[in-house]
Protein backbone atom coordinates (compact mmCIF):
# COMPACT_ATOMS: atom_id res chain seq x y z
CA MET A 1 -26.57 -21.92 41.05
CA SER A 2 -29.93 -21.30 42.67
CA ILE A 3 -30.42 -18.79 45.45
CA CYS A 4 -33.07 -18.25 48.08
CA ARG A 5 -34.81 -14.88 48.34
CA CYS A 6 -38.24 -13.85 49.56
CA ILE A 7 -40.89 -12.53 47.21
CA GLU A 8 -42.07 -9.76 49.53
CA VAL A 9 -38.89 -7.67 49.76
CA HIS A 10 -36.03 -9.21 47.76
CA CYS A 11 -37.70 -10.34 44.55
CA TRP A 12 -35.99 -10.68 41.18
CA PRO A 13 -32.42 -10.84 42.44
CA ARG A 14 -29.65 -9.70 40.14
CA GLY A 15 -26.57 -11.84 40.46
CA ARG A 16 -23.11 -10.76 39.41
CA THR A 17 -22.61 -13.82 37.25
CA GLN A 18 -26.11 -15.35 37.07
CA GLU A 19 -29.41 -14.21 35.59
CA TYR A 20 -32.44 -15.41 37.54
CA VAL A 21 -35.46 -15.85 35.29
CA ALA A 22 -38.09 -17.63 37.41
CA TYR A 23 -38.79 -18.96 40.86
CA VAL A 24 -40.33 -22.07 42.34
CA LYS A 25 -41.69 -22.56 45.81
CA PRO A 26 -39.92 -24.95 48.16
CA VAL A 27 -41.79 -27.90 49.63
CA GLY A 28 -44.13 -26.68 52.38
CA TYR A 29 -44.03 -22.99 51.44
CA PRO A 30 -44.72 -20.71 53.31
CA ASP A 31 -44.18 -23.04 56.29
CA THR A 32 -40.73 -23.97 55.05
CA ALA A 33 -37.28 -24.14 56.58
CA LEU A 34 -35.98 -22.16 53.60
CA ILE A 35 -35.36 -18.55 54.68
CA CYS A 36 -34.43 -15.56 52.49
CA GLY A 37 -30.70 -14.90 52.28
CA ARG A 38 -31.30 -11.18 52.96
CA CYS A 39 -34.03 -11.12 55.65
CA ASP A 40 -36.08 -13.48 57.85
CA ASN A 41 -39.03 -14.03 55.47
CA PRO A 42 -39.78 -17.46 53.99
CA GLY A 43 -37.79 -17.83 50.80
CA VAL A 44 -38.44 -19.18 47.32
CA ILE A 45 -35.90 -20.77 44.99
CA TRP A 46 -34.73 -18.46 42.21
CA LEU A 47 -33.59 -20.28 39.06
CA THR A 48 -31.28 -19.54 36.14
CA HIS A 49 -32.20 -20.38 32.52
CA ASP A 50 -30.59 -23.81 32.76
CA GLU A 51 -32.22 -24.58 36.12
CA LYS A 52 -35.60 -23.50 34.75
CA ALA A 53 -35.20 -26.00 31.91
CA ALA A 54 -34.13 -28.67 34.42
CA TYR A 55 -37.25 -27.99 36.53
CA GLU A 56 -39.42 -28.31 33.44
CA GLY A 57 -37.66 -31.63 32.79
CA GLY A 58 -38.54 -32.95 36.24
CA LYS A 59 -35.63 -31.91 38.45
CA ARG A 60 -36.71 -30.79 41.93
CA ILE A 61 -33.47 -30.52 43.95
CA PHE A 62 -31.24 -27.52 43.25
CA GLU A 63 -27.77 -26.55 44.44
CA GLY A 64 -27.29 -23.34 46.39
CA PRO A 65 -24.31 -20.98 46.45
CA ASN A 66 -22.17 -23.35 48.49
CA ARG A 67 -21.62 -27.09 48.59
CA PHE A 68 -23.81 -27.87 51.57
CA THR A 69 -26.92 -25.98 50.45
CA ARG A 70 -29.49 -27.97 48.50
CA MET A 71 -33.12 -26.94 48.10
CA ARG A 72 -36.14 -29.08 47.21
CA ALA A 73 -38.83 -27.46 45.05
CA ASP A 74 -42.49 -28.44 45.10
CA ASP A 75 -44.46 -29.50 42.03
CA GLY A 76 -46.51 -26.27 41.91
CA GLY A 77 -44.84 -25.01 38.75
CA LEU A 78 -42.65 -22.11 37.69
CA HIS A 79 -43.47 -18.50 38.48
CA GLU A 80 -42.35 -15.90 35.96
CA GLY A 81 -43.14 -12.26 35.36
CA GLN A 82 -43.62 -9.48 37.86
CA VAL A 83 -44.06 -10.30 41.53
CA VAL A 84 -47.13 -8.49 42.87
CA GLY A 85 -46.45 -6.66 46.13
CA CYS A 86 -42.67 -6.72 45.91
CA LEU A 87 -41.07 -3.79 47.74
CA MET A 88 -37.93 -3.69 45.56
């Protein structure tokens, strides 16, 4: 299950049941309709291990935390490691 969080304030989310290992930018980022689930900043799509592998295999649409949330990632590649400028 992917989630949407910004990279300025709410980077590297820690889920209760999921481990998020990378993020991808949604189509059109930062001018995207995808908004952080914790604030009003543009959000990125945080991926689990399995979703990361799916992205590497060509998948671009990911399911969110509920049935009606689906997010489309761009082809810009995965982002891993420390987020520069994160306030967390």
